[in-house]
Amino acid sequence: MKKEDFYRELIECMEIDPVDITEETVFRELEDFDSMAIMSIVAFADEKFGKTLAAEQLKNMKTVGDLMELIGREHFE
């Protein structure tokens, strides 16, 4: 998946206001980021990439780049 498509779909799945995000974007700095957004990320990773994320992994996730690492860099162009 192209990174731009990933960013767009990630914003949609978290149901947050559209913002420009990059790998350096810190999730907790996003205005609408909350526990529901985290659950949406879990579902998104499973649905789009077949990747099951554990709670411990999510606790250590700070940036969009961290999420991309958890999913696997091989999935991104």
PDB file of N, CA and C in Angstrom:
ATOM      1  N   MET A   1       0.856  -1.171   0.000  1.00  0.00           N
ATOM      2  CA  MET A   1       0.000   0.000   0.000  1.00  0.00           C
ATOM      3  C   MET A   1       0.902   1.234   0.000  1.00  0.00           C
ATOM      4  N   LYS A   2       0.511   2.215  -0.784  1.00  0.00           N
ATOM      5  CA  LYS A   2       1.261   3.467  -0.788  1.00  0.00           C
ATOM      6  C   LYS A   2       1.057   4.168   0.551  1.00  0.00           C
ATOM      7  N   LYS A   3       2.103   4.839   1.007  1.00  0.00           N
ATOM      8  CA  LYS A   3       2.022   5.520   2.310  1.00  0.00           C
ATOM      9  C   LYS A   3       0.883   6.535   2.338  1.00  0.00           C
ATOM     10  N   GLU A   4       0.707   7.270   1.249  1.00  0.00           N
ATOM     11  CA  GLU A   4      -0.344   8.288   1.212  1.00  0.00           C
ATOM     12  C   GLU A   4      -1.727   7.655   1.403  1.00  0.00           C
ATOM     13  N   ASP A   5      -1.934   6.487   0.781  1.00  0.00           N
ATOM     14  CA  ASP A   5      -3.206   5.777   0.939  1.00  0.00           C
ATOM     15  C   ASP A   5      -3.366   5.281   2.374  1.00  0.00           C
ATOM     16  N   PHE A   6      -2.279   4.795   2.942  1.00  0.00           N
ATOM     17  CA  PHE A   6      -2.294   4.329   4.333  1.00  0.00           C
ATOM     18  C   PHE A   6      -2.683   5.471   5.267  1.00  0.00           C
ATOM     19  N   TYR A   7      -2.062   6.635   5.098  1.00  0.00           N
ATOM     20  CA  TYR A   7      -2.371   7.779   5.953  1.00  0.00           C
ATOM     21  C   TYR A   7      -3.844   8.161   5.825  1.00  0.00           C
ATOM     22  N   ARG A   8      -4.346   8.217   4.589  1.00  0.00           N
ATOM     23  CA  ARG A   8      -5.746   8.593   4.350  1.00  0.00           C
ATOM     24  C   ARG A   8      -6.695   7.581   4.999  1.00  0.00           C
ATOM     25  N   GLU A   9      -6.426   6.303   4.799  1.00  0.00           N
ATOM     26  CA  GLU A   9      -7.299   5.272   5.370  1.00  0.00           C
ATOM     27  C   GLU A   9      -7.206   5.231   6.895  1.00  0.00           C
ATOM     28  N   LEU A  10      -6.028   5.511   7.429  1.00  0.00           N
ATOM     29  CA  LEU A  10      -5.854   5.550   8.875  1.00  0.00           C
ATOM     30  C   LEU A  10      -6.693   6.669   9.487  1.00  0.00           C
ATOM     31  N   ILE A  11      -6.671   7.834   8.877  1.00  0.00           N
ATOM     32  CA  ILE A  11      -7.477   8.967   9.352  1.00  0.00           C
ATOM     33  C   ILE A  11      -8.968   8.613   9.308  1.00  0.00           C
ATOM     34  N   GLU A  12      -9.380   7.974   8.210  1.00  0.00           N
ATOM     35  CA  GLU A  12     -10.784   7.577   8.073  1.00  0.00           C
ATOM     36  C   GLU A  12     -11.174   6.553   9.135  1.00  0.00           C
ATOM     37  N   CYS A  13     -10.315   5.569   9.360  1.00  0.00           N
ATOM     38  CA  CYS A  13     -10.687   4.510  10.308  1.00  0.00           C
ATOM     39  C   CYS A  13     -10.749   5.039  11.739  1.00  0.00           C
ATOM     40  N   MET A  14      -9.897   6.007  12.070  1.00  0.00           N
ATOM     41  CA  MET A  14      -9.909   6.561  13.425  1.00  0.00           C
ATOM     42  C   MET A  14     -11.013   7.587  13.605  1.00  0.00           C
ATOM     43  N   GLU A  15     -11.660   7.963  12.485  1.00  0.00           N
ATOM     44  CA  GLU A  15     -12.742   8.944  12.510  1.00  0.00           C
ATOM     45  C   GLU A  15     -12.312  10.251  13.184  1.00  0.00           C
ATOM     46  N   ILE A  16     -11.137  10.726  12.745  1.00  0.00           N
ATOM     47  CA  ILE A  16     -10.651  12.010  13.249  1.00  0.00           C
ATOM     48  C   ILE A  16     -10.745  13.032  12.134  1.00  0.00           C
ATOM     49  N   ASP A  17     -10.685  14.305  12.502  1.00  0.00           N
ATOM     50  CA  ASP A  17     -10.688  15.357  11.504  1.00  0.00           C
ATOM     51  C   ASP A  17      -9.470  15.188  10.607  1.00  0.00           C
ATOM     52  N   PRO A  18      -9.663  15.369   9.306  1.00  0.00           N
ATOM     53  CA  PRO A  18      -8.523  15.232   8.391  1.00  0.00           C
ATOM     54  C   PRO A  18      -7.383  16.180   8.767  1.00  0.00           C
ATOM     55  N   VAL A  19      -6.215  15.605   8.881  1.00  0.00           N
ATOM     56  CA  VAL A  19      -4.998  16.360   9.167  1.00  0.00           C
ATOM     57  C   VAL A  19      -3.897  15.746   8.323  1.00  0.00           C
ATOM     58  N   ASP A  20      -2.827  16.498   8.130  1.00  0.00           N
ATOM     59  CA  ASP A  20      -1.668  15.942   7.453  1.00  0.00           C
ATOM     60  C   ASP A  20      -0.897  15.107   8.453  1.00  0.00           C
ATOM     61  N   ILE A  21      -0.706  13.837   8.144  1.00  0.00           N
ATOM     62  CA  ILE A  21       0.079  12.999   9.032  1.00  0.00           C
ATOM     63  C   ILE A  21       1.264  12.426   8.274  1.00  0.00           C
ATOM     64  N   THR A  22       2.305  12.137   9.015  1.00  0.00           N
ATOM     65  CA  THR A  22       3.521  11.527   8.490  1.00  0.00           C
ATOM     66  C   THR A  22       3.922  10.432   9.453  1.00  0.00           C
ATOM     67  N   GLU A  23       5.025   9.789   9.169  1.00  0.00           N
ATOM     68  CA  GLU A  23       5.523   8.754  10.072  1.00  0.00           C
ATOM     69  C   GLU A  23       5.883   9.325  11.439  1.00  0.00           C
ATOM     70  N   GLU A  24       6.208  10.601  11.495  1.00  0.00           N
ATOM     71  CA  GLU A  24       6.611  11.242  12.743  1.00  0.00           C
ATOM     72  C   GLU A  24       5.445  11.744  13.581  1.00  0.00           C
ATOM     73  N   THR A  25       4.232  11.684  13.037  1.00  0.00           N
ATOM     74  CA  THR A  25       3.061  12.161  13.758  1.00  0.00           C
ATOM     75  C   THR A  25       2.863  11.347  15.038  1.00  0.00           C
ATOM     76  N   VAL A  26       2.713  12.052  16.161  1.00  0.00           N
ATOM     77  CA  VAL A  26       2.493  11.410  17.457  1.00  0.00           C
ATOM     78  C   VAL A  26       0.982  11.279  17.662  1.00  0.00           C
ATOM     79  N   PHE A  27       0.533  10.045  17.861  1.00  0.00           N
ATOM     80  CA  PHE A  27      -0.905   9.799  17.990  1.00  0.00           C
ATOM     81  C   PHE A  27      -1.539  10.651  19.084  1.00  0.00           C
ATOM     82  N   ARG A  28      -0.942  10.727  20.239  1.00  0.00           N
ATOM     83  CA  ARG A  28      -1.547  11.433  21.371  1.00  0.00           C
ATOM     84  C   ARG A  28      -1.651  12.947  21.152  1.00  0.00           C
ATOM     85  N   GLU A  29      -0.958  13.447  20.135  1.00  0.00           N
ATOM     86  CA  GLU A  29      -1.057  14.872  19.815  1.00  0.00           C
ATOM     87  C   GLU A  29      -2.209  15.168  18.854  1.00  0.00           C
ATOM     88  N   LEU A  30      -2.833  14.125  18.321  1.00  0.00           N
ATOM     89  CA  LEU A  30      -3.984  14.327  17.449  1.00  0.00           C
ATOM     90  C   LEU A  30      -5.200  14.653  18.306  1.00  0.00           C
ATOM     91  N   GLU A  31      -5.921  15.676  17.922  1.00  0.00           N
ATOM     92  CA  GLU A  31      -7.020  16.202  18.738  1.00  0.00           C
ATOM     93  C   GLU A  31      -8.062  15.152  19.103  1.00  0.00           C
ATOM     94  N   ASP A  32      -8.463  14.338  18.144  1.00  0.00           N
ATOM     95  CA  ASP A  32      -9.547  13.387  18.377  1.00  0.00           C
ATOM     96  C   ASP A  32      -9.066  11.980  18.717  1.00  0.00           C
ATOM     97  N   PHE A  33      -7.801  11.816  19.057  1.00  0.00           N
ATOM     98  CA  PHE A  33      -7.267  10.495  19.365  1.00  0.00           C
ATOM     99  C   PHE A  33      -7.714  10.068  20.760  1.00  0.00           C
ATOM    100  N   ASP A  34      -8.385   8.901  20.819  1.00  0.00           N
ATOM    101  CA  ASP A  34      -8.879   8.402  22.099  1.00  0.00           C
ATOM    102  C   ASP A  34      -8.893   6.873  22.070  1.00  0.00           C
ATOM    103  N   SER A  35      -9.496   6.272  23.071  1.00  0.00           N
ATOM    104  CA  SER A  35      -9.512   4.809  23.153  1.00  0.00           C
ATOM    105  C   SER A  35     -10.284   4.189  21.991  1.00  0.00           C
ATOM    106  N   MET A  36     -11.298   4.865  21.502  1.00  0.00           N
ATOM    107  CA  MET A  36     -12.033   4.345  20.343  1.00  0.00           C
ATOM    108  C   MET A  36     -11.146   4.351  19.098  1.00  0.00           C
ATOM    109  N   ALA A  37     -10.313   5.365  18.970  1.00  0.00           N
ATOM    110  CA  ALA A  37      -9.383   5.421  17.840  1.00  0.00           C
ATOM    111  C   ALA A  37      -8.399   4.257  17.905  1.00  0.00           C
ATOM    112  N   ILE A  38      -7.954   3.913  19.110  1.00  0.00           N
ATOM    113  CA  ILE A  38      -7.039   2.786  19.282  1.00  0.00           C
ATOM    114  C   ILE A  38      -7.715   1.493  18.838  1.00  0.00           C
ATOM    115  N   MET A  39      -8.949   1.299  19.244  1.00  0.00           N
ATOM    116  CA  MET A  39      -9.676   0.091  18.848  1.00  0.00           C
ATOM    117  C   MET A  39      -9.873   0.053  17.329  1.00  0.00           C
ATOM    118  N   SER A  40     -10.087   1.207  16.751  1.00  0.00           N
ATOM    119  CA  SER A  40     -10.225   1.280  15.297  1.00  0.00           C
ATOM    120  C   SER A  40      -8.918   0.908  14.604  1.00  0.00           C
ATOM    121  N   ILE A  41      -7.794   1.307  15.186  1.00  0.00           N
ATOM    122  CA  ILE A  41      -6.486   0.953  14.624  1.00  0.00           C
ATOM    123  C   ILE A  41      -6.292  -0.558  14.656  1.00  0.00           C
ATOM    124  N   VAL A  42      -6.696  -1.187  15.755  1.00  0.00           N
ATOM    125  CA  VAL A  42      -6.582  -2.649  15.873  1.00  0.00           C
ATOM    126  C   VAL A  42      -7.383  -3.313  14.749  1.00  0.00           C
ATOM    127  N   ALA A  43      -8.616  -2.872  14.553  1.00  0.00           N
ATOM    128  CA  ALA A  43      -9.471  -3.442  13.509  1.00  0.00           C
ATOM    129  C   ALA A  43      -8.893  -3.163  12.120  1.00  0.00           C
ATOM    130  N   PHE A  44      -8.394  -1.965  11.914  1.00  0.00           N
ATOM    131  CA  PHE A  44      -7.806  -1.555  10.634  1.00  0.00           C
ATOM    132  C   PHE A  44      -6.608  -2.437  10.286  1.00  0.00           C
ATOM    133  N   ALA A  45      -5.713  -2.644  11.234  1.00  0.00           N
ATOM    134  CA  ALA A  45      -4.520  -3.460  10.991  1.00  0.00           C
ATOM    135  C   ALA A  45      -4.904  -4.894  10.647  1.00  0.00           C
ATOM    136  N   ASP A  46      -5.917  -5.403  11.320  1.00  0.00           N
ATOM    137  CA  ASP A  46      -6.365  -6.769  11.060  1.00  0.00           C
ATOM    138  C   ASP A  46      -7.036  -6.873   9.693  1.00  0.00           C
ATOM    139  N   GLU A  47      -7.934  -5.942   9.401  1.00  0.00           N
ATOM    140  CA  GLU A  47      -8.698  -5.982   8.154  1.00  0.00           C
ATOM    141  C   GLU A  47      -7.826  -5.745   6.924  1.00  0.00           C
ATOM    142  N   LYS A  48      -6.982  -4.737   6.970  1.00  0.00           N
ATOM    143  CA  LYS A  48      -6.203  -4.348   5.793  1.00  0.00           C
ATOM    144  C   LYS A  48      -4.915  -5.151   5.611  1.00  0.00           C
ATOM    145  N   PHE A  49      -4.328  -5.603   6.727  1.00  0.00           N
ATOM    146  CA  PHE A  49      -3.007  -6.231   6.646  1.00  0.00           C
ATOM    147  C   PHE A  49      -2.951  -7.632   7.257  1.00  0.00           C
ATOM    148  N   GLY A  50      -4.061  -8.095   7.846  1.00  0.00           N
ATOM    149  CA  GLY A  50      -4.060  -9.407   8.476  1.00  0.00           C
ATOM    150  C   GLY A  50      -3.137  -9.477   9.676  1.00  0.00           C
ATOM    151  N   LYS A  51      -2.918  -8.325  10.329  1.00  0.00           N
ATOM    152  CA  LYS A  51      -1.997  -8.226  11.458  1.00  0.00           C
ATOM    153  C   LYS A  51      -2.787  -8.033  12.749  1.00  0.00           C
ATOM    154  N   THR A  52      -2.600  -8.941  13.701  1.00  0.00           N
ATOM    155  CA  THR A  52      -3.236  -8.821  15.004  1.00  0.00           C
ATOM    156  C   THR A  52      -2.286  -8.103  15.947  1.00  0.00           C
ATOM    157  N   LEU A  53      -2.723  -6.978  16.479  1.00  0.00           N
ATOM    158  CA  LEU A  53      -1.893  -6.193  17.391  1.00  0.00           C
ATOM    159  C   LEU A  53      -2.291  -6.482  18.832  1.00  0.00           C
ATOM    160  N   ALA A  54      -1.299  -6.709  19.662  1.00  0.00           N
ATOM    161  CA  ALA A  54      -1.528  -6.987  21.083  1.00  0.00           C
ATOM    162  C   ALA A  54      -1.547  -5.682  21.873  1.00  0.00           C
ATOM    163  N   ALA A  55      -2.216  -5.710  23.008  1.00  0.00           N
ATOM    164  CA  ALA A  55      -2.317  -4.519  23.864  1.00  0.00           C
ATOM    165  C   ALA A  55      -0.929  -4.001  24.249  1.00  0.00           C
ATOM    166  N   GLU A  56      -0.010  -4.875  24.545  1.00  0.00           N
ATOM    167  CA  GLU A  56       1.341  -4.459  24.933  1.00  0.00           C
ATOM    168  C   GLU A  56       2.033  -3.700  23.799  1.00  0.00           C
ATOM    169  N   GLN A  57       1.824  -4.153  22.573  1.00  0.00           N
ATOM    170  CA  GLN A  57       2.402  -3.464  21.425  1.00  0.00           C
ATOM    171  C   GLN A  57       1.831  -2.059  21.300  1.00  0.00           C
ATOM    172  N   LEU A  58       0.542  -1.936  21.510  1.00  0.00           N
ATOM    173  CA  LEU A  58      -0.108  -0.633  21.384  1.00  0.00           C
ATOM    174  C   LEU A  58       0.336   0.329  22.473  1.00  0.00           C
ATOM    175  N   LYS A  59       0.631  -0.188  23.656  1.00  0.00           N
ATOM    176  CA  LYS A  59       1.110   0.678  24.742  1.00  0.00           C
ATOM    177  C   LYS A  59       2.421   1.350  24.362  1.00  0.00           C
ATOM    178  N   ASN A  60       3.253   0.642  23.602  1.00  0.00           N
ATOM    179  CA  ASN A  60       4.564   1.165  23.218  1.00  0.00           C
ATOM    180  C   ASN A  60       4.528   1.986  21.935  1.00  0.00           C
ATOM    181  N   MET A  61       3.402   2.022  21.261  1.00  0.00           N
ATOM    182  CA  MET A  61       3.261   2.736  20.000  1.00  0.00           C
ATOM    183  C   MET A  61       3.040   4.224  20.267  1.00  0.00           C
ATOM    184  N   LYS A  62       3.907   5.049  19.729  1.00  0.00           N
ATOM    185  CA  LYS A  62       3.765   6.493  19.922  1.00  0.00           C
ATOM    186  C   LYS A  62       3.455   7.228  18.620  1.00  0.00           C
ATOM    187  N   THR A  63       4.081   6.802  17.537  1.00  0.00           N
ATOM    188  CA  THR A  63       3.945   7.522  16.271  1.00  0.00           C
ATOM    189  C   THR A  63       3.328   6.643  15.194  1.00  0.00           C
ATOM    190  N   VAL A  64       2.955   7.287  14.106  1.00  0.00           N
ATOM    191  CA  VAL A  64       2.443   6.555  12.952  1.00  0.00           C
ATOM    192  C   VAL A  64       3.522   5.605  12.430  1.00  0.00           C
ATOM    193  N   GLY A  65       4.779   6.030  12.478  1.00  0.00           N
ATOM    194  CA  GLY A  65       5.881   5.162  12.068  1.00  0.00           C
ATOM    195  C   GLY A  65       5.972   3.912  12.931  1.00  0.00           C
ATOM    196  N   ASP A  66       5.708   4.047  14.224  1.00  0.00           N
ATOM    197  CA  ASP A  66       5.692   2.877  15.113  1.00  0.00           C
ATOM    198  C   ASP A  66       4.612   1.891  14.667  1.00  0.00           C
ATOM    199  N   LEU A  67       3.452   2.409  14.293  1.00  0.00           N
ATOM    200  CA  LEU A  67       2.374   1.551  13.813  1.00  0.00           C
ATOM    201  C   LEU A  67       2.802   0.838  12.533  1.00  0.00           C
ATOM    202  N   MET A  68       3.452   1.567  11.652  1.00  0.00           N
ATOM    203  CA  MET A  68       3.915   0.972  10.398  1.00  0.00           C
ATOM    204  C   MET A  68       4.922  -0.145  10.674  1.00  0.00           C
ATOM    205  N   GLU A  69       5.764   0.033  11.674  1.00  0.00           N
ATOM    206  CA  GLU A  69       6.718  -1.019  12.059  1.00  0.00           C
ATOM    207  C   GLU A  69       5.977  -2.246  12.582  1.00  0.00           C
ATOM    208  N   LEU A  70       4.954  -2.027  13.400  1.00  0.00           N
ATOM    209  CA  LEU A  70       4.180  -3.142  13.945  1.00  0.00           C
ATOM    210  C   LEU A  70       3.471  -3.925  12.840  1.00  0.00           C
ATOM    211  N   ILE A  71       2.966  -3.206  11.866  1.00  0.00           N
ATOM    212  CA  ILE A  71       2.273  -3.854  10.751  1.00  0.00           C
ATOM    213  C   ILE A  71       3.275  -4.591   9.866  1.00  0.00           C
ATOM    214  N   GLY A  72       4.433  -3.974   9.666  1.00  0.00           N
ATOM    215  CA  GLY A  72       5.471  -4.555   8.811  1.00  0.00           C
ATOM    216  C   GLY A  72       5.758  -3.655   7.633  1.00  0.00           C
ATOM    217  N   ARG A  73       6.973  -3.166   7.554  1.00  0.00           N
ATOM    218  CA  ARG A  73       7.374  -2.233   6.494  1.00  0.00           C
ATOM    219  C   ARG A  73       7.189  -2.813   5.095  1.00  0.00           C
ATOM    220  N   GLU A  74       7.188  -4.130   4.992  1.00  0.00           N
ATOM    221  CA  GLU A  74       7.048  -4.752   3.665  1.00  0.00           C
ATOM    222  C   GLU A  74       5.689  -4.463   3.024  1.00  0.00           C
ATOM    223  N   HIS A  75       4.734  -3.967   3.795  1.00  0.00           N
ATOM    224  CA  HIS A  75       3.399  -3.671   3.287  1.00  0.00           C
ATOM    225  C   HIS A  75       3.302  -2.281   2.654  1.00  0.00           C
ATOM    226  N   PHE A  76       4.359  -1.499   2.737  1.00  0.00           N
ATOM    227  CA  PHE A  76       4.296  -0.104   2.288  1.00  0.00           C
ATOM    228  C   PHE A  76       5.273   0.179   1.156  1.00  0.00           C
ATOM    229  N   GLU A  77       4.799   0.989   0.211  1.00  0.00           N
ATOM    230  CA  GLU A  77       5.638   1.404  -0.914  1.00  0.00           C
ATOM    231  C   GLU A  77       6.300   2.720  -0.608  1.00  0.00           C
TER     232      GLU A  77
END
